[in-house]
Amino acid sequence: MDAPSATDAALRAMTVEEWSSLPEDEPGELVDGWLVEEETPDGVHETVVAWLIEVLRRWLRPRGGRAFGSELRYAVSARRGRKPDVSAWFPGRAVPARGAVPVPPDLAVEVVSRRPEDSRRDRIEKPVEYAVFGIRWYWLLDPEARTLEILELGSDGRYVRALGATAGVVSSVPGCEGLALDLDTLWAEIDELERL
């Protein structure tokens, strides 16, 4: 079967498999079988994503883990597909190499965007979906509010707040022994970008 075109995808409901087979540069996430618009990242958003991937890769790779950017597609349910801004697989777990990933990563990160509908999706919709999917750690990094929230999946299947930070070096990151996050460095990178 040929991959659906973007036009086909916009006009009819599709399966996770069809969504997965869309061209890799085709934007959108799958919500209840329909391709929906994603946020449009700006320079601040991408600075945060690049910083996170760099920090996570430096910590994960020597241990045998992996970090991925925002185009890795996850089949979070039979009719929903999401693309976290950053995801990570801790050591000892095999990452499927092709198609929509049907198993949860250990960590998903969303960089909260300025548009209210994007913020709502990251703070309200995705936590429910990611919890049901089984992602143990969910991070929300908000460059506008300059906050980091780390949520852990509880035994009741809901996220609970494990950490909140606004500045400084987070030297004890829940679930990530040996990882440090220098938020001041990240905020400085954003300030530098905004001065250009």
C-alpha atoms as a PDB file:
ATOM      1  CA  MET A   1       0.000   0.000   0.000  1.00  0.00           C
ATOM      2  CA  ASP A   2       1.299   3.438  -0.907  1.00  0.00           C
ATOM      3  CA  ALA A   3       1.759   6.008   1.824  1.00  0.00           C
ATOM      4  CA  PRO A   4      -1.170   8.427   2.066  1.00  0.00           C
ATOM      5  CA  SER A   5      -0.554  11.902   0.742  1.00  0.00           C
ATOM      6  CA  ALA A   6      -0.880  14.953   2.952  1.00  0.00           C
ATOM      7  CA  THR A   7      -4.087  15.872   1.086  1.00  0.00           C
ATOM      8  CA  ASP A   8      -5.576  12.429   1.727  1.00  0.00           C
ATOM      9  CA  ALA A   9      -4.602  12.676   5.387  1.00  0.00           C
ATOM     10  CA  ALA A  10      -6.358  16.007   5.834  1.00  0.00           C
ATOM     11  CA  LEU A  11      -9.599  14.772   4.243  1.00  0.00           C
ATOM     12  CA  ARG A  12     -10.219  11.486   6.033  1.00  0.00           C
ATOM     13  CA  ALA A  13      -9.588   9.659   9.255  1.00  0.00           C
ATOM     14  CA  MET A  14      -6.508   7.457   9.297  1.00  0.00           C
ATOM     15  CA  THR A  15      -4.954   4.695  11.303  1.00  0.00           C
ATOM     16  CA  VAL A  16      -1.776   4.995  13.348  1.00  0.00           C
ATOM     17  CA  GLU A  17      -0.075   2.881  10.667  1.00  0.00           C
ATOM     18  CA  GLU A  18      -1.127   5.309   7.926  1.00  0.00           C
ATOM     19  CA  TRP A  19       0.024   8.262  10.043  1.00  0.00           C
ATOM     20  CA  SER A  20       3.328   6.498  10.599  1.00  0.00           C
ATOM     21  CA  SER A  21       3.817   6.017   6.878  1.00  0.00           C
ATOM     22  CA  LEU A  22       3.302   9.695   6.001  1.00  0.00           C
ATOM     23  CA  PRO A  23       6.432  11.356   4.604  1.00  0.00           C
ATOM     24  CA  GLU A  24       8.825  12.192   7.429  1.00  0.00           C
ATOM     25  CA  ASP A  25       8.565  15.926   6.762  1.00  0.00           C
ATOM     26  CA  GLU A  26       4.749  15.836   6.954  1.00  0.00           C
ATOM     27  CA  PRO A  27       3.747  17.764  10.095  1.00  0.00           C
ATOM     28  CA  GLY A  28       0.967  16.823  12.435  1.00  0.00           C
ATOM     29  CA  GLU A  29      -0.045  14.510  15.211  1.00  0.00           C
ATOM     30  CA  LEU A  30      -2.873  11.990  15.143  1.00  0.00           C
ATOM     31  CA  VAL A  31      -5.852  12.741  17.397  1.00  0.00           C
ATOM     32  CA  ASP A  32      -8.831  10.390  17.278  1.00  0.00           C
ATOM     33  CA  GLY A  33      -7.769   9.272  13.816  1.00  0.00           C
ATOM     34  CA  TRP A  34      -7.386  12.779  12.376  1.00  0.00           C
ATOM     35  CA  LEU A  35      -4.201  14.595  11.465  1.00  0.00           C
ATOM     36  CA  VAL A  36      -4.059  17.777  13.545  1.00  0.00           C
ATOM     37  CA  GLU A  37      -1.809  20.794  13.350  1.00  0.00           C
ATOM     38  CA  GLU A  38       1.208  20.888  15.610  1.00  0.00           C
ATOM     39  CA  GLU A  39       2.779  23.936  17.143  1.00  0.00           C
ATOM     40  CA  THR A  40       5.084  25.909  14.890  1.00  0.00           C
ATOM     41  CA  PRO A  41       8.407  26.045  16.732  1.00  0.00           C
ATOM     42  CA  ASP A  42      10.324  29.306  16.899  1.00  0.00           C
ATOM     43  CA  GLY A  43      13.966  29.995  17.720  1.00  0.00           C
ATOM     44  CA  VAL A  44      13.380  29.949  21.477  1.00  0.00           C
ATOM     45  CA  HIS A  45      11.561  26.610  21.276  1.00  0.00           C
ATOM     46  CA  GLU A  46      14.309  25.055  19.171  1.00  0.00           C
ATOM     47  CA  THR A  47      17.041  26.447  21.448  1.00  0.00           C
ATOM     48  CA  VAL A  48      15.424  24.594  24.357  1.00  0.00           C
ATOM     49  CA  VAL A  49      15.034  21.395  22.318  1.00  0.00           C
ATOM     50  CA  ALA A  50      18.663  21.489  21.126  1.00  0.00           C
ATOM     51  CA  TRP A  51      19.937  22.200  24.655  1.00  0.00           C
ATOM     52  CA  LEU A  52      17.910  19.343  26.133  1.00  0.00           C
ATOM     53  CA  ILE A  53      19.033  16.851  23.507  1.00  0.00           C
ATOM     54  CA  GLU A  54      22.658  17.858  24.012  1.00  0.00           C
ATOM     55  CA  VAL A  55      22.430  17.520  27.808  1.00  0.00           C
ATOM     56  CA  LEU A  56      20.496  14.247  27.686  1.00  0.00           C
ATOM     57  CA  ARG A  57      22.778  12.681  25.050  1.00  0.00           C
ATOM     58  CA  ARG A  58      25.875  13.571  27.063  1.00  0.00           C
ATOM     59  CA  TRP A  59      24.346  11.821  30.070  1.00  0.00           C
ATOM     60  CA  LEU A  60      22.699   8.870  28.260  1.00  0.00           C
ATOM     61  CA  ARG A  61      25.125   7.743  25.556  1.00  0.00           C
ATOM     62  CA  PRO A  62      27.955   6.577  27.888  1.00  0.00           C
ATOM     63  CA  ARG A  63      25.331   4.589  29.801  1.00  0.00           C
ATOM     64  CA  GLY A  64      23.806   3.008  26.680  1.00  0.00           C
ATOM     65  CA  GLY A  65      20.662   5.160  26.426  1.00  0.00           C
ATOM     66  CA  ARG A  66      19.339   7.382  23.651  1.00  0.00           C
ATOM     67  CA  ALA A  67      17.708  10.784  23.200  1.00  0.00           C
ATOM     68  CA  PHE A  68      15.531  11.817  20.257  1.00  0.00           C
ATOM     69  CA  GLY A  69      14.093  15.017  18.815  1.00  0.00           C
ATOM     70  CA  SER A  70      10.597  16.016  17.888  1.00  0.00           C
ATOM     71  CA  GLU A  71       9.983  13.968  14.767  1.00  0.00           C
ATOM     72  CA  LEU A  72       9.955  10.520  16.384  1.00  0.00           C
ATOM     73  CA  ARG A  73       6.376   9.306  16.188  1.00  0.00           C
ATOM     74  CA  TYR A  74       4.791   7.413  19.075  1.00  0.00           C
ATOM     75  CA  ALA A  75       1.601   5.356  18.714  1.00  0.00           C
ATOM     76  CA  VAL A  76       0.223   6.325  22.128  1.00  0.00           C
ATOM     77  CA  SER A  77      -3.083   4.525  21.482  1.00  0.00           C
ATOM     78  CA  ALA A  78      -4.975   2.887  18.631  1.00  0.00           C
ATOM     79  CA  ARG A  79      -6.184   6.267  17.320  1.00  0.00           C
ATOM     80  CA  ARG A  80      -3.600   8.706  18.662  1.00  0.00           C
ATOM     81  CA  GLY A  81      -0.047   9.466  17.651  1.00  0.00           C
ATOM     82  CA  ARG A  82       2.166  12.037  19.335  1.00  0.00           C
ATOM     83  CA  LYS A  83       5.613  13.526  18.753  1.00  0.00           C
ATOM     84  CA  PRO A  84       7.146  14.800  22.007  1.00  0.00           C
ATOM     85  CA  ASP A  85       9.654  17.616  21.578  1.00  0.00           C
ATOM     86  CA  VAL A  86      12.309  15.389  23.181  1.00  0.00           C
ATOM     87  CA  SER A  87      12.140  11.767  24.275  1.00  0.00           C
ATOM     88  CA  ALA A  88      14.673   9.528  25.966  1.00  0.00           C
ATOM     89  CA  TRP A  89      15.235   5.827  26.383  1.00  0.00           C
ATOM     90  CA  PHE A  90      17.211   4.812  29.414  1.00  0.00           C
ATOM     91  CA  PRO A  91      19.895   2.084  29.268  1.00  0.00           C
ATOM     92  CA  GLY A  92      18.832  -1.510  28.749  1.00  0.00           C
ATOM     93  CA  ARG A  93      15.824  -0.852  26.522  1.00  0.00           C
ATOM     94  CA  ALA A  94      15.692  -1.470  22.778  1.00  0.00           C
ATOM     95  CA  VAL A  95      14.307   1.360  20.666  1.00  0.00           C
ATOM     96  CA  PRO A  96      12.307   0.328  17.582  1.00  0.00           C
ATOM     97  CA  ALA A  97      14.168   1.675  14.543  1.00  0.00           C
ATOM     98  CA  ARG A  98      11.260   2.111  12.096  1.00  0.00           C
ATOM     99  CA  GLY A  99       7.651   3.228  12.090  1.00  0.00           C
ATOM    100  CA  ALA A 100       5.518   4.665  14.845  1.00  0.00           C
ATOM    101  CA  VAL A 101       6.944   3.476  18.141  1.00  0.00           C
ATOM    102  CA  PRO A 102       4.329   1.365  19.969  1.00  0.00           C
ATOM    103  CA  VAL A 103       6.130   1.267  23.326  1.00  0.00           C
ATOM    104  CA  PRO A 104       6.657   4.244  25.643  1.00  0.00           C
ATOM    105  CA  PRO A 105      10.002   5.944  26.131  1.00  0.00           C
ATOM    106  CA  ASP A 106      11.194   6.440  29.695  1.00  0.00           C
ATOM    107  CA  LEU A 107      10.981  10.216  29.373  1.00  0.00           C
ATOM    108  CA  ALA A 108       8.981  12.659  27.241  1.00  0.00           C
ATOM    109  CA  VAL A 109       9.561  16.406  27.260  1.00  0.00           C
ATOM    110  CA  GLU A 110       7.301  19.118  25.933  1.00  0.00           C
ATOM    111  CA  VAL A 111       8.578  22.657  25.512  1.00  0.00           C
ATOM    112  CA  VAL A 112       5.558  24.777  26.334  1.00  0.00           C
ATOM    113  CA  SER A 113       4.771  27.244  23.572  1.00  0.00           C
ATOM    114  CA  ARG A 114       3.261  30.699  23.903  1.00  0.00           C
ATOM    115  CA  ARG A 115       0.004  30.003  22.063  1.00  0.00           C
ATOM    116  CA  PRO A 116      -2.782  29.093  24.525  1.00  0.00           C
ATOM    117  CA  GLU A 117      -3.918  26.083  22.461  1.00  0.00           C
ATOM    118  CA  ASP A 118      -0.362  24.686  22.446  1.00  0.00           C
ATOM    119  CA  SER A 119       0.035  25.239  26.185  1.00  0.00           C
ATOM    120  CA  ARG A 120      -3.322  23.558  26.838  1.00  0.00           C
ATOM    121  CA  ARG A 121      -2.322  20.559  24.712  1.00  0.00           C
ATOM    122  CA  ASP A 122       1.002  20.178  26.577  1.00  0.00           C
ATOM    123  CA  ARG A 123      -0.461  20.710  30.060  1.00  0.00           C
ATOM    124  CA  ILE A 124      -3.907  19.075  29.786  1.00  0.00           C
ATOM    125  CA  GLU A 125      -4.203  16.651  26.858  1.00  0.00           C
ATOM    126  CA  LYS A 126      -0.759  15.107  26.591  1.00  0.00           C
ATOM    127  CA  PRO A 127      -0.274  14.234  30.282  1.00  0.00           C
ATOM    128  CA  VAL A 128      -3.404  12.067  30.161  1.00  0.00           C
ATOM    129  CA  GLU A 129      -2.326  10.364  26.935  1.00  0.00           C
ATOM    130  CA  TYR A 130       1.288   9.898  28.041  1.00  0.00           C
ATOM    131  CA  ALA A 131       0.161   8.454  31.389  1.00  0.00           C
ATOM    132  CA  VAL A 132      -2.110   5.886  29.718  1.00  0.00           C
ATOM    133  CA  PHE A 133       0.708   5.066  27.274  1.00  0.00           C
ATOM    134  CA  GLY A 134       3.005   4.457  30.252  1.00  0.00           C
ATOM    135  CA  ILE A 135       5.690   7.145  29.969  1.00  0.00           C
ATOM    136  CA  ARG A 136       7.233   7.185  33.450  1.00  0.00           C
ATOM    137  CA  TRP A 137       8.674  10.726  33.402  1.00  0.00           C
ATOM    138  CA  TYR A 138       7.031  13.755  31.812  1.00  0.00           C
ATOM    139  CA  TRP A 139       8.871  17.072  31.791  1.00  0.00           C
ATOM    140  CA  LEU A 140       7.354  20.439  30.961  1.00  0.00           C
ATOM    141  CA  LEU A 141       9.879  23.146  30.191  1.00  0.00           C
ATOM    142  CA  ASP A 142       8.339  26.589  29.814  1.00  0.00           C
ATOM    143  CA  PRO A 143      10.827  29.137  28.397  1.00  0.00           C
ATOM    144  CA  GLU A 144       8.361  32.017  28.800  1.00  0.00           C
ATOM    145  CA  ALA A 145       7.739  31.389  32.513  1.00  0.00           C
ATOM    146  CA  ARG A 146      11.302  30.070  32.952  1.00  0.00           C
ATOM    147  CA  THR A 147      10.114  26.915  34.700  1.00  0.00           C
ATOM    148  CA  LEU A 148      10.894  23.219  34.657  1.00  0.00           C
ATOM    149  CA  GLU A 149       8.328  20.766  35.994  1.00  0.00           C
ATOM    150  CA  ILE A 150       9.159  17.080  36.314  1.00  0.00           C
ATOM    151  CA  LEU A 151       6.191  14.763  36.693  1.00  0.00           C
ATOM    152  CA  GLU A 152       6.378  11.082  37.615  1.00  0.00           C
ATOM    153  CA  LEU A 153       3.786   8.478  36.728  1.00  0.00           C
ATOM    154  CA  GLY A 154       2.200   7.320  39.973  1.00  0.00           C
ATOM    155  CA  SER A 155       0.891   3.867  40.825  1.00  0.00           C
ATOM    156  CA  ASP A 156      -2.641   5.174  40.191  1.00  0.00           C
ATOM    157  CA  GLY A 157      -1.771   5.948  36.539  1.00  0.00           C
ATOM    158  CA  ARG A 158      -1.646   9.714  37.006  1.00  0.00           C
ATOM    159  CA  TYR A 159       1.271  12.090  37.058  1.00  0.00           C
ATOM    160  CA  VAL A 160       2.462  13.635  40.310  1.00  0.00           C
ATOM    161  CA  ARG A 161       4.894  16.501  40.595  1.00  0.00           C
ATOM    162  CA  ALA A 162       8.379  15.266  41.458  1.00  0.00           C
ATOM    163  CA  LEU A 163      10.229  18.559  41.005  1.00  0.00           C
ATOM    164  CA  GLY A 164       9.715  22.180  40.120  1.00  0.00           C
ATOM    165  CA  ALA A 165      12.590  24.553  39.392  1.00  0.00           C
ATOM    166  CA  THR A 166      13.116  28.024  37.981  1.00  0.00           C
ATOM    167  CA  ALA A 167      16.850  28.689  38.172  1.00  0.00           C
ATOM    168  CA  GLY A 168      20.237  27.381  39.171  1.00  0.00           C
ATOM    169  CA  VAL A 169      21.631  23.904  38.708  1.00  0.00           C
ATOM    170  CA  VAL A 170      19.250  21.036  39.337  1.00  0.00           C
ATOM    171  CA  SER A 171      21.820  18.524  40.551  1.00  0.00           C
ATOM    172  CA  SER A 172      19.382  15.835  41.647  1.00  0.00           C
ATOM    173  CA  VAL A 173      17.037  15.139  38.738  1.00  0.00           C
ATOM    174  CA  PRO A 174      14.336  12.626  39.731  1.00  0.00           C
ATOM    175  CA  GLY A 175      14.772   9.338  37.868  1.00  0.00           C
ATOM    176  CA  CYS A 176      18.053  10.429  36.272  1.00  0.00           C
ATOM    177  CA  GLU A 177      20.920   9.667  38.641  1.00  0.00           C
ATOM    178  CA  GLY A 178      24.029  11.614  37.721  1.00  0.00           C
ATOM    179  CA  LEU A 179      22.223  14.111  35.464  1.00  0.00           C
ATOM    180  CA  ALA A 180      22.468  17.831  36.220  1.00  0.00           C
ATOM    181  CA  LEU A 181      20.448  20.539  34.504  1.00  0.00           C
ATOM    182  CA  ASP A 182      21.920  24.042  34.520  1.00  0.00           C
ATOM    183  CA  LEU A 183      18.815  26.136  33.975  1.00  0.00           C
ATOM    184  CA  ASP A 184      20.744  29.398  34.246  1.00  0.00           C
ATOM    185  CA  THR A 185      22.802  28.377  31.213  1.00  0.00           C
ATOM    186  CA  LEU A 186      19.630  27.586  29.261  1.00  0.00           C
ATOM    187  CA  TRP A 187      17.957  30.874  30.185  1.00  0.00           C
ATOM    188  CA  ALA A 188      21.165  32.731  29.209  1.00  0.00           C
ATOM    189  CA  GLU A 189      21.109  31.071  25.771  1.00  0.00           C
ATOM    190  CA  ILE A 190      17.526  32.224  25.297  1.00  0.00           C
ATOM    191  CA  ASP A 191      18.398  35.761  26.436  1.00  0.00           C
ATOM    192  CA  GLU A 192      21.285  35.848  23.978  1.00  0.00           C
ATOM    193  CA  LEU A 193      19.035  34.698  21.133  1.00  0.00           C
ATOM    194  CA  GLU A 194      16.410  37.318  21.953  1.00  0.00           C
ATOM    195  CA  ARG A 195      19.028  40.095  21.926  1.00  0.00           C
ATOM    196  CA  LEU A 196      20.089  39.301  18.354  1.00  0.00           C
END
